[in-house]
């Protein structure tokens, strides 16, 4: 029987946000890679409320950022809004459509499992209404970067 060993560092979880842009150190020739961060955003009937501009800016202005929207069986056109956003940001925005409403907890669970398949450095979930602004995510990532022993 063979056993596979995982050699990479397990992802750190967060809720809400965190991330640090790529930086240069004075004595380096190459940029320090910013952590790859994936946010899971559960959505149910958010078509009219979803701030697609804010989500688009967040993935578009920073490297190593992605969002996995989980449509939890919406009936109001949310899925179409999310698919249009994903088409504008290929590789940075993905949509997972659940066949029927299963509740926020299940949408987060399914989304987190799927997000971990991409092996991000940091994975967390965010509320679709942006009650916590996405910029706060960068602050939390900065803390996680400065203190590698911290997991949440």
N, C-alpha and C. Protein backbone atom coordinates (compact mmCIF):
# COMPACT_ATOMS: atom_id res chain seq x y z
N UNK A 1 0.85 -1.17 0.00
CA UNK A 1 0.00 0.00 0.00
C UNK A 1 0.90 1.23 0.00
N UNK A 2 0.65 2.14 -0.92
CA UNK A 2 1.42 3.38 -0.94
C UNK A 2 0.62 4.49 -0.31
N UNK A 3 1.34 5.44 0.22
CA UNK A 3 0.68 6.54 0.88
C UNK A 3 1.21 7.84 0.31
N UNK A 4 0.31 8.74 -0.03
CA UNK A 4 0.70 10.04 -0.57
C UNK A 4 0.85 11.03 0.57
N UNK A 5 1.93 11.76 0.56
CA UNK A 5 2.16 12.79 1.57
C UNK A 5 1.92 14.15 0.95
N UNK A 6 1.20 14.98 1.64
CA UNK A 6 0.96 16.35 1.18
C UNK A 6 2.09 17.20 1.70
N UNK A 7 2.81 17.84 0.78
CA UNK A 7 3.98 18.61 1.19
C UNK A 7 3.71 20.10 1.31
N UNK A 8 2.62 20.56 0.76
CA UNK A 8 2.34 21.99 0.83
C UNK A 8 1.71 22.34 2.17
N UNK A 9 1.81 23.59 2.53
CA UNK A 9 1.21 24.09 3.76
C UNK A 9 -0.30 24.10 3.58
N UNK A 10 -1.06 23.62 4.58
CA UNK A 10 -2.51 23.65 4.43
C UNK A 10 -3.01 25.09 4.38
N UNK A 11 -4.12 25.33 3.71
CA UNK A 11 -4.64 26.70 3.61
C UNK A 11 -5.10 27.20 4.96
N UNK A 12 -5.06 28.50 5.11
CA UNK A 12 -5.58 29.13 6.32
C UNK A 12 -6.97 29.65 6.01
N UNK A 13 -7.88 29.53 6.95
CA UNK A 13 -9.27 29.90 6.75
C UNK A 13 -9.53 31.26 7.35
N UNK A 14 -10.45 31.99 6.73
CA UNK A 14 -10.76 33.30 7.25
C UNK A 14 -12.20 33.66 6.99
N UNK A 15 -12.73 34.47 7.87
CA UNK A 15 -14.03 35.11 7.68
C UNK A 15 -14.14 36.22 8.69
N UNK A 16 -14.25 37.41 8.28
CA UNK A 16 -14.08 37.86 6.92
C UNK A 16 -12.62 38.01 6.51
N UNK A 17 -12.31 38.89 5.60
CA UNK A 17 -11.24 39.07 4.63
C UNK A 17 -9.77 39.07 5.02
N UNK A 18 -8.95 39.01 3.95
CA UNK A 18 -7.51 39.19 4.07
C UNK A 18 -6.75 38.96 2.77
N UNK A 19 -5.66 39.74 2.55
CA UNK A 19 -4.80 39.60 1.36
C UNK A 19 -3.72 40.67 1.31
N UNK A 20 -2.58 40.34 0.68
CA UNK A 20 -1.47 41.27 0.58
C UNK A 20 -1.00 41.31 -0.86
N UNK A 21 -0.85 42.51 -1.44
CA UNK A 21 -0.37 42.57 -2.81
C UNK A 21 1.11 42.16 -2.91
N UNK A 22 1.54 41.79 -4.12
CA UNK A 22 2.93 41.43 -4.35
C UNK A 22 3.84 42.59 -3.96
N UNK A 23 4.96 42.26 -3.29
CA UNK A 23 5.88 43.30 -2.84
C UNK A 23 7.29 42.98 -3.33
N UNK A 24 8.12 43.99 -3.40
CA UNK A 24 9.54 43.80 -3.70
C UNK A 24 10.31 44.10 -2.43
N UNK A 25 11.34 43.30 -2.18
CA UNK A 25 12.22 43.62 -1.06
C UNK A 25 13.45 44.30 -1.64
N UNK A 26 14.11 45.16 -0.87
CA UNK A 26 15.26 45.90 -1.40
C UNK A 26 16.36 45.01 -1.97
N UNK A 27 16.59 43.84 -1.37
CA UNK A 27 17.68 42.99 -1.82
C UNK A 27 17.23 41.85 -2.73
N UNK A 28 16.01 41.92 -3.24
CA UNK A 28 15.56 40.84 -4.10
C UNK A 28 15.47 41.28 -5.55
N UNK A 29 15.64 40.32 -6.43
CA UNK A 29 15.51 40.60 -7.85
C UNK A 29 14.12 40.24 -8.36
N UNK A 30 13.40 39.48 -7.56
CA UNK A 30 12.09 39.00 -7.97
C UNK A 30 11.05 39.40 -6.93
N UNK A 31 9.83 39.64 -7.38
CA UNK A 31 8.79 39.98 -6.41
C UNK A 31 8.46 38.80 -5.51
N UNK A 32 8.06 39.10 -4.31
CA UNK A 32 7.56 38.08 -3.40
C UNK A 32 6.13 37.78 -3.84
N UNK A 33 5.82 36.52 -4.02
CA UNK A 33 4.51 36.16 -4.51
C UNK A 33 3.44 36.43 -3.45
N UNK A 34 2.43 37.15 -3.87
CA UNK A 34 1.29 37.38 -2.98
C UNK A 34 0.56 36.07 -2.78
N UNK A 35 -0.06 35.88 -1.63
CA UNK A 35 -0.77 34.62 -1.41
C UNK A 35 -1.96 34.49 -2.37
N UNK A 36 -2.22 33.26 -2.77
CA UNK A 36 -3.40 33.00 -3.59
C UNK A 36 -4.57 32.87 -2.64
N UNK A 37 -5.54 33.74 -2.82
CA UNK A 37 -6.69 33.81 -1.91
C UNK A 37 -7.96 33.53 -2.70
N UNK A 38 -8.78 32.64 -2.17
CA UNK A 38 -10.09 32.37 -2.77
C UNK A 38 -11.15 32.67 -1.73
N UNK A 39 -12.12 33.47 -2.13
CA UNK A 39 -13.28 33.74 -1.29
C UNK A 39 -14.48 32.99 -1.85
N UNK A 40 -15.20 32.33 -0.98
CA UNK A 40 -16.46 31.68 -1.32
C UNK A 40 -17.57 32.63 -0.93
N UNK A 41 -18.47 32.92 -1.87
CA UNK A 41 -19.57 33.86 -1.62
C UNK A 41 -20.89 33.14 -1.89
N UNK A 42 -21.60 32.74 -0.83
CA UNK A 42 -22.90 32.10 -1.04
C UNK A 42 -23.93 33.15 -1.44
N UNK A 43 -24.78 32.81 -2.40
CA UNK A 43 -25.78 33.76 -2.90
C UNK A 43 -27.15 33.09 -3.00
N UNK A 44 -28.16 33.77 -2.52
CA UNK A 44 -29.53 33.32 -2.71
C UNK A 44 -30.39 34.55 -3.02
N UNK A 45 -30.91 34.59 -4.24
CA UNK A 45 -31.76 35.70 -4.68
C UNK A 45 -31.11 37.06 -4.44
N UNK A 46 -29.90 37.23 -4.97
CA UNK A 46 -29.12 38.46 -4.80
C UNK A 46 -29.03 39.29 -6.08
N UNK A 47 -29.79 38.97 -7.11
CA UNK A 47 -29.64 39.62 -8.42
C UNK A 47 -29.70 41.14 -8.33
N UNK A 48 -30.59 41.68 -7.54
CA UNK A 48 -30.73 43.15 -7.45
C UNK A 48 -29.75 43.79 -6.48
N UNK A 49 -29.23 43.02 -5.53
CA UNK A 49 -28.36 43.60 -4.50
C UNK A 49 -26.88 43.41 -4.76
N UNK A 50 -26.51 42.44 -5.57
CA UNK A 50 -25.11 42.09 -5.74
C UNK A 50 -24.32 43.23 -6.38
N UNK A 51 -23.26 43.66 -5.72
CA UNK A 51 -22.40 44.74 -6.23
C UNK A 51 -21.33 44.12 -7.12
N UNK A 52 -21.71 43.83 -8.36
CA UNK A 52 -20.78 43.17 -9.28
C UNK A 52 -19.55 44.02 -9.54
N UNK A 53 -19.69 45.33 -9.50
CA UNK A 53 -18.55 46.22 -9.70
C UNK A 53 -17.49 46.04 -8.63
N UNK A 54 -17.91 45.95 -7.38
CA UNK A 54 -16.96 45.79 -6.28
C UNK A 54 -16.25 44.44 -6.37
N UNK A 55 -16.98 43.38 -6.65
CA UNK A 55 -16.36 42.07 -6.78
C UNK A 55 -15.41 42.05 -7.98
N UNK A 56 -15.82 42.65 -9.09
CA UNK A 56 -14.97 42.70 -10.27
C UNK A 56 -13.68 43.48 -10.03
N UNK A 57 -13.79 44.60 -9.32
CA UNK A 57 -12.58 45.38 -9.01
C UNK A 57 -11.64 44.59 -8.11
N UNK A 58 -12.20 43.88 -7.14
CA UNK A 58 -11.36 43.15 -6.19
C UNK A 58 -10.51 42.10 -6.90
N UNK A 59 -11.09 41.34 -7.81
CA UNK A 59 -10.29 40.33 -8.52
C UNK A 59 -9.45 40.96 -9.62
N UNK A 60 -9.90 42.08 -10.17
CA UNK A 60 -9.18 42.69 -11.28
C UNK A 60 -7.98 43.52 -10.88
N UNK A 61 -7.99 44.09 -9.69
CA UNK A 61 -6.92 44.99 -9.26
C UNK A 61 -5.81 44.29 -8.49
N UNK A 62 -6.00 43.06 -8.13
CA UNK A 62 -5.02 42.35 -7.33
C UNK A 62 -4.72 41.00 -7.97
N UNK A 63 -3.47 40.63 -7.98
CA UNK A 63 -3.12 39.31 -8.46
C UNK A 63 -3.38 38.26 -7.40
N UNK A 64 -3.62 37.05 -7.83
CA UNK A 64 -3.78 35.95 -6.88
C UNK A 64 -5.09 35.94 -6.13
N UNK A 65 -6.10 36.63 -6.63
CA UNK A 65 -7.40 36.69 -5.96
C UNK A 65 -8.45 36.02 -6.84
N UNK A 66 -9.28 35.20 -6.21
CA UNK A 66 -10.39 34.61 -6.95
C UNK A 66 -11.61 34.52 -6.06
N UNK A 67 -12.75 34.42 -6.71
CA UNK A 67 -14.02 34.31 -6.00
C UNK A 67 -14.79 33.14 -6.58
N UNK A 68 -15.31 32.31 -5.71
CA UNK A 68 -16.23 31.25 -6.10
C UNK A 68 -17.60 31.61 -5.54
N UNK A 69 -18.50 32.00 -6.42
CA UNK A 69 -19.88 32.27 -6.02
C UNK A 69 -20.64 30.96 -6.01
N UNK A 70 -21.41 30.72 -4.96
CA UNK A 70 -22.25 29.54 -4.88
C UNK A 70 -23.69 30.01 -4.94
N UNK A 71 -24.34 29.75 -6.07
CA UNK A 71 -25.76 30.11 -6.22
C UNK A 71 -26.57 29.01 -5.56
N UNK A 72 -27.22 29.36 -4.48
CA UNK A 72 -27.95 28.40 -3.65
C UNK A 72 -29.40 28.25 -4.12
N UNK A 73 -29.57 27.93 -5.40
CA UNK A 73 -30.91 27.69 -5.93
C UNK A 73 -31.75 28.94 -6.11
N UNK A 74 -31.12 30.05 -6.43
CA UNK A 74 -31.85 31.31 -6.60
C UNK A 74 -32.93 31.20 -7.69
N UNK A 75 -33.98 32.00 -7.52
CA UNK A 75 -35.09 32.01 -8.48
C UNK A 75 -35.27 33.38 -9.13
N UNK A 76 -34.35 34.31 -8.88
CA UNK A 76 -34.54 35.70 -9.34
C UNK A 76 -33.55 36.15 -10.41
N UNK A 77 -32.81 35.26 -11.01
CA UNK A 77 -31.84 35.67 -12.02
C UNK A 77 -30.43 35.86 -11.48
N UNK A 78 -30.20 35.51 -10.23
CA UNK A 78 -28.87 35.64 -9.64
C UNK A 78 -27.84 34.87 -10.46
N UNK A 79 -28.18 33.67 -10.86
CA UNK A 79 -27.24 32.84 -11.63
C UNK A 79 -26.78 33.55 -12.89
N UNK A 80 -27.70 34.21 -13.61
CA UNK A 80 -27.33 34.93 -14.83
C UNK A 80 -26.37 36.07 -14.54
N UNK A 81 -26.62 36.80 -13.45
CA UNK A 81 -25.74 37.90 -13.04
C UNK A 81 -24.34 37.35 -12.74
N UNK A 82 -24.29 36.24 -12.02
CA UNK A 82 -23.00 35.65 -11.65
C UNK A 82 -22.26 35.12 -12.87
N UNK A 83 -22.97 34.47 -13.78
CA UNK A 83 -22.32 33.95 -14.99
C UNK A 83 -21.76 35.08 -15.85
N UNK A 84 -22.48 36.21 -15.91
CA UNK A 84 -21.98 37.36 -16.67
C UNK A 84 -20.70 37.91 -16.02
N UNK A 85 -20.67 37.96 -14.69
CA UNK A 85 -19.47 38.42 -13.98
C UNK A 85 -18.31 37.45 -14.23
N UNK A 86 -18.58 36.16 -14.20
CA UNK A 86 -17.54 35.17 -14.45
C UNK A 86 -17.00 35.29 -15.87
N UNK A 87 -17.86 35.61 -16.82
CA UNK A 87 -17.41 35.77 -18.21
C UNK A 87 -16.50 36.98 -18.36
N UNK A 88 -16.72 38.03 -17.55
CA UNK A 88 -15.87 39.22 -17.60
C UNK A 88 -14.53 39.00 -16.89
N UNK A 89 -14.46 38.01 -16.02
CA UNK A 89 -13.24 37.75 -15.24
C UNK A 89 -12.89 36.26 -15.28
N UNK A 90 -12.59 35.74 -16.48
CA UNK A 90 -12.29 34.31 -16.57
C UNK A 90 -11.05 33.93 -15.75
N UNK A 91 -11.16 32.82 -15.05
CA UNK A 91 -10.05 32.36 -14.23
C UNK A 91 -10.02 32.98 -12.85
N UNK A 92 -10.73 34.09 -12.65
CA UNK A 92 -10.75 34.75 -11.34
C UNK A 92 -12.11 34.63 -10.66
N UNK A 93 -13.16 34.44 -11.45
CA UNK A 93 -14.51 34.31 -10.90
C UNK A 93 -15.12 33.03 -11.44
N UNK A 94 -15.63 32.21 -10.54
CA UNK A 94 -16.29 30.97 -10.92
C UNK A 94 -17.66 30.92 -10.23
N UNK A 95 -18.55 30.11 -10.81
CA UNK A 95 -19.90 29.97 -10.26
C UNK A 95 -20.19 28.49 -10.09
N UNK A 96 -20.65 28.14 -8.91
CA UNK A 96 -21.15 26.79 -8.65
C UNK A 96 -22.64 26.92 -8.41
N UNK A 97 -23.44 26.25 -9.23
CA UNK A 97 -24.90 26.33 -9.12
C UNK A 97 -25.44 25.11 -8.40
N UNK A 98 -26.08 25.34 -7.27
CA UNK A 98 -26.71 24.24 -6.54
C UNK A 98 -28.10 24.02 -7.16
N UNK A 99 -28.56 22.77 -7.23
CA UNK A 99 -29.82 22.48 -7.90
C UNK A 99 -31.05 23.06 -7.20
N UNK A 100 -30.96 23.22 -5.90
CA UNK A 100 -32.08 23.80 -5.13
C UNK A 100 -31.52 24.46 -3.87
N UNK A 101 -32.33 25.29 -3.27
CA UNK A 101 -31.91 26.00 -2.06
C UNK A 101 -31.68 25.00 -0.93
N UNK A 102 -30.47 25.06 -0.36
CA UNK A 102 -30.11 24.17 0.74
C UNK A 102 -29.71 24.94 1.99
N UNK A 103 -29.71 26.26 1.91
CA UNK A 103 -29.34 27.08 3.05
C UNK A 103 -27.90 27.57 2.96
N UNK A 104 -27.65 28.68 3.66
CA UNK A 104 -26.34 29.31 3.60
C UNK A 104 -25.22 28.38 4.08
N UNK A 105 -25.46 27.67 5.17
CA UNK A 105 -24.43 26.79 5.71
C UNK A 105 -23.99 25.74 4.71
N UNK A 106 -24.93 25.13 4.03
CA UNK A 106 -24.60 24.11 3.03
C UNK A 106 -23.91 24.74 1.83
N UNK A 107 -24.35 25.93 1.43
CA UNK A 107 -23.70 26.62 0.31
C UNK A 107 -22.24 26.93 0.64
N UNK A 108 -21.99 27.36 1.86
CA UNK A 108 -20.61 27.64 2.29
C UNK A 108 -19.80 26.35 2.32
N UNK A 109 -20.37 25.28 2.88
CA UNK A 109 -19.66 24.00 2.97
C UNK A 109 -19.27 23.48 1.58
N UNK A 110 -20.25 23.48 0.68
CA UNK A 110 -19.98 23.02 -0.69
C UNK A 110 -18.94 23.91 -1.36
N UNK A 111 -19.08 25.21 -1.19
CA UNK A 111 -18.13 26.15 -1.79
C UNK A 111 -16.73 26.00 -1.25
N UNK A 112 -16.60 25.83 0.05
CA UNK A 112 -15.27 25.68 0.65
C UNK A 112 -14.60 24.41 0.14
N UNK A 113 -15.34 23.33 0.07
CA UNK A 113 -14.76 22.08 -0.45
C UNK A 113 -14.29 22.26 -1.88
N UNK A 114 -15.10 22.91 -2.68
CA UNK A 114 -14.72 23.11 -4.08
C UNK A 114 -13.54 24.07 -4.19
N UNK A 115 -13.53 25.14 -3.39
CA UNK A 115 -12.43 26.10 -3.43
C UNK A 115 -11.11 25.45 -3.05
N UNK A 116 -11.13 24.54 -2.11
CA UNK A 116 -9.90 23.87 -1.67
C UNK A 116 -9.31 22.98 -2.76
N UNK A 117 -10.11 22.58 -3.72
CA UNK A 117 -9.59 21.79 -4.84
C UNK A 117 -8.55 22.57 -5.64
N UNK A 118 -8.66 23.90 -5.63
CA UNK A 118 -7.71 24.74 -6.35
C UNK A 118 -6.44 25.03 -5.57
N UNK A 119 -6.31 24.50 -4.37
CA UNK A 119 -5.12 24.64 -3.52
C UNK A 119 -4.70 26.09 -3.28
N UNK A 120 -5.63 26.97 -2.86
CA UNK A 120 -5.23 28.34 -2.54
C UNK A 120 -4.40 28.36 -1.25
N UNK A 121 -3.67 29.44 -1.05
CA UNK A 121 -2.94 29.61 0.21
C UNK A 121 -3.90 29.95 1.34
N UNK A 122 -4.91 30.73 1.01
CA UNK A 122 -5.89 31.18 1.99
C UNK A 122 -7.27 31.04 1.37
N UNK A 123 -8.21 30.51 2.12
CA UNK A 123 -9.58 30.39 1.65
C UNK A 123 -10.52 30.83 2.77
N UNK A 124 -11.56 31.53 2.39
CA UNK A 124 -12.53 31.99 3.37
C UNK A 124 -13.85 32.23 2.69
N UNK A 125 -14.82 32.67 3.47
CA UNK A 125 -16.10 33.00 2.84
C UNK A 125 -16.52 34.40 3.21
N UNK A 126 -17.31 35.00 2.33
CA UNK A 126 -17.70 36.40 2.41
C UNK A 126 -19.18 36.51 2.14
N UNK A 127 -19.84 37.42 2.82
CA UNK A 127 -21.27 37.63 2.56
C UNK A 127 -21.47 38.41 1.28
N UNK A 128 -22.46 38.00 0.50
CA UNK A 128 -22.74 38.61 -0.80
C UNK A 128 -23.13 40.08 -0.70
N UNK A 129 -23.70 40.48 0.44
CA UNK A 129 -24.15 41.87 0.58
C UNK A 129 -23.02 42.84 0.89
N UNK A 130 -21.80 42.31 1.05
CA UNK A 130 -20.61 43.13 1.34
C UNK A 130 -20.79 43.98 2.59
N UNK A 131 -21.48 43.42 3.59
CA UNK A 131 -21.61 44.11 4.88
C UNK A 131 -20.21 44.42 5.43
N UNK A 132 -19.25 43.54 5.14
CA UNK A 132 -17.84 43.82 5.39
C UNK A 132 -17.22 44.10 4.03
N UNK A 133 -16.68 45.30 3.81
CA UNK A 133 -16.09 45.64 2.50
C UNK A 133 -14.93 44.71 2.14
N UNK A 134 -14.77 44.45 0.86
CA UNK A 134 -13.71 43.56 0.40
C UNK A 134 -12.31 44.05 0.76
N UNK A 135 -12.12 45.37 0.90
CA UNK A 135 -10.81 45.89 1.29
C UNK A 135 -10.36 45.35 2.65
N UNK A 136 -11.32 45.00 3.50
CA UNK A 136 -10.96 44.44 4.81
C UNK A 136 -10.27 43.09 4.65
N UNK A 137 -10.54 42.41 3.56
CA UNK A 137 -9.88 41.13 3.30
C UNK A 137 -8.37 41.33 3.22
N UNK A 138 -7.97 42.40 2.58
CA UNK A 138 -6.53 42.67 2.44
C UNK A 138 -5.87 42.86 3.81
N UNK A 139 -6.57 43.48 4.72
CA UNK A 139 -6.01 43.69 6.06
C UNK A 139 -5.80 42.36 6.78
N UNK A 140 -6.77 41.47 6.65
CA UNK A 140 -6.64 40.18 7.32
C UNK A 140 -5.53 39.34 6.70
N UNK A 141 -5.38 39.38 5.39
CA UNK A 141 -4.30 38.65 4.74
C UNK A 141 -2.95 39.19 5.21
N UNK A 142 -2.86 40.50 5.37
CA UNK A 142 -1.62 41.09 5.86
C UNK A 142 -1.27 40.52 7.23
N UNK A 143 -2.25 40.36 8.10
CA UNK A 143 -2.00 39.78 9.42
C UNK A 143 -1.54 38.34 9.28
N UNK A 144 -2.21 37.58 8.42
CA UNK A 144 -1.83 36.18 8.24
C UNK A 144 -0.43 36.05 7.66
N UNK A 145 -0.07 36.96 6.77
CA UNK A 145 1.28 36.95 6.19
C UNK A 145 2.33 37.31 7.23
N UNK A 146 2.03 38.30 8.07
CA UNK A 146 2.99 38.75 9.07
C UNK A 146 3.16 37.74 10.21
N UNK A 147 2.14 36.91 10.41
CA UNK A 147 2.16 35.95 11.50
C UNK A 147 1.80 34.57 10.96
N UNK A 148 2.74 33.89 10.32
CA UNK A 148 2.44 32.63 9.66
C UNK A 148 1.92 31.52 10.58
N UNK A 149 2.14 31.63 11.86
CA UNK A 149 1.63 30.62 12.80
C UNK A 149 0.16 30.77 13.10
N UNK A 150 -0.44 31.88 12.67
CA UNK A 150 -1.85 32.14 12.98
C UNK A 150 -2.73 31.43 11.95
N UNK A 151 -3.69 30.68 12.44
CA UNK A 151 -4.73 30.09 11.58
C UNK A 151 -6.07 30.47 12.16
N UNK A 152 -7.04 30.59 11.29
CA UNK A 152 -8.37 30.99 11.74
C UNK A 152 -9.39 30.04 11.21
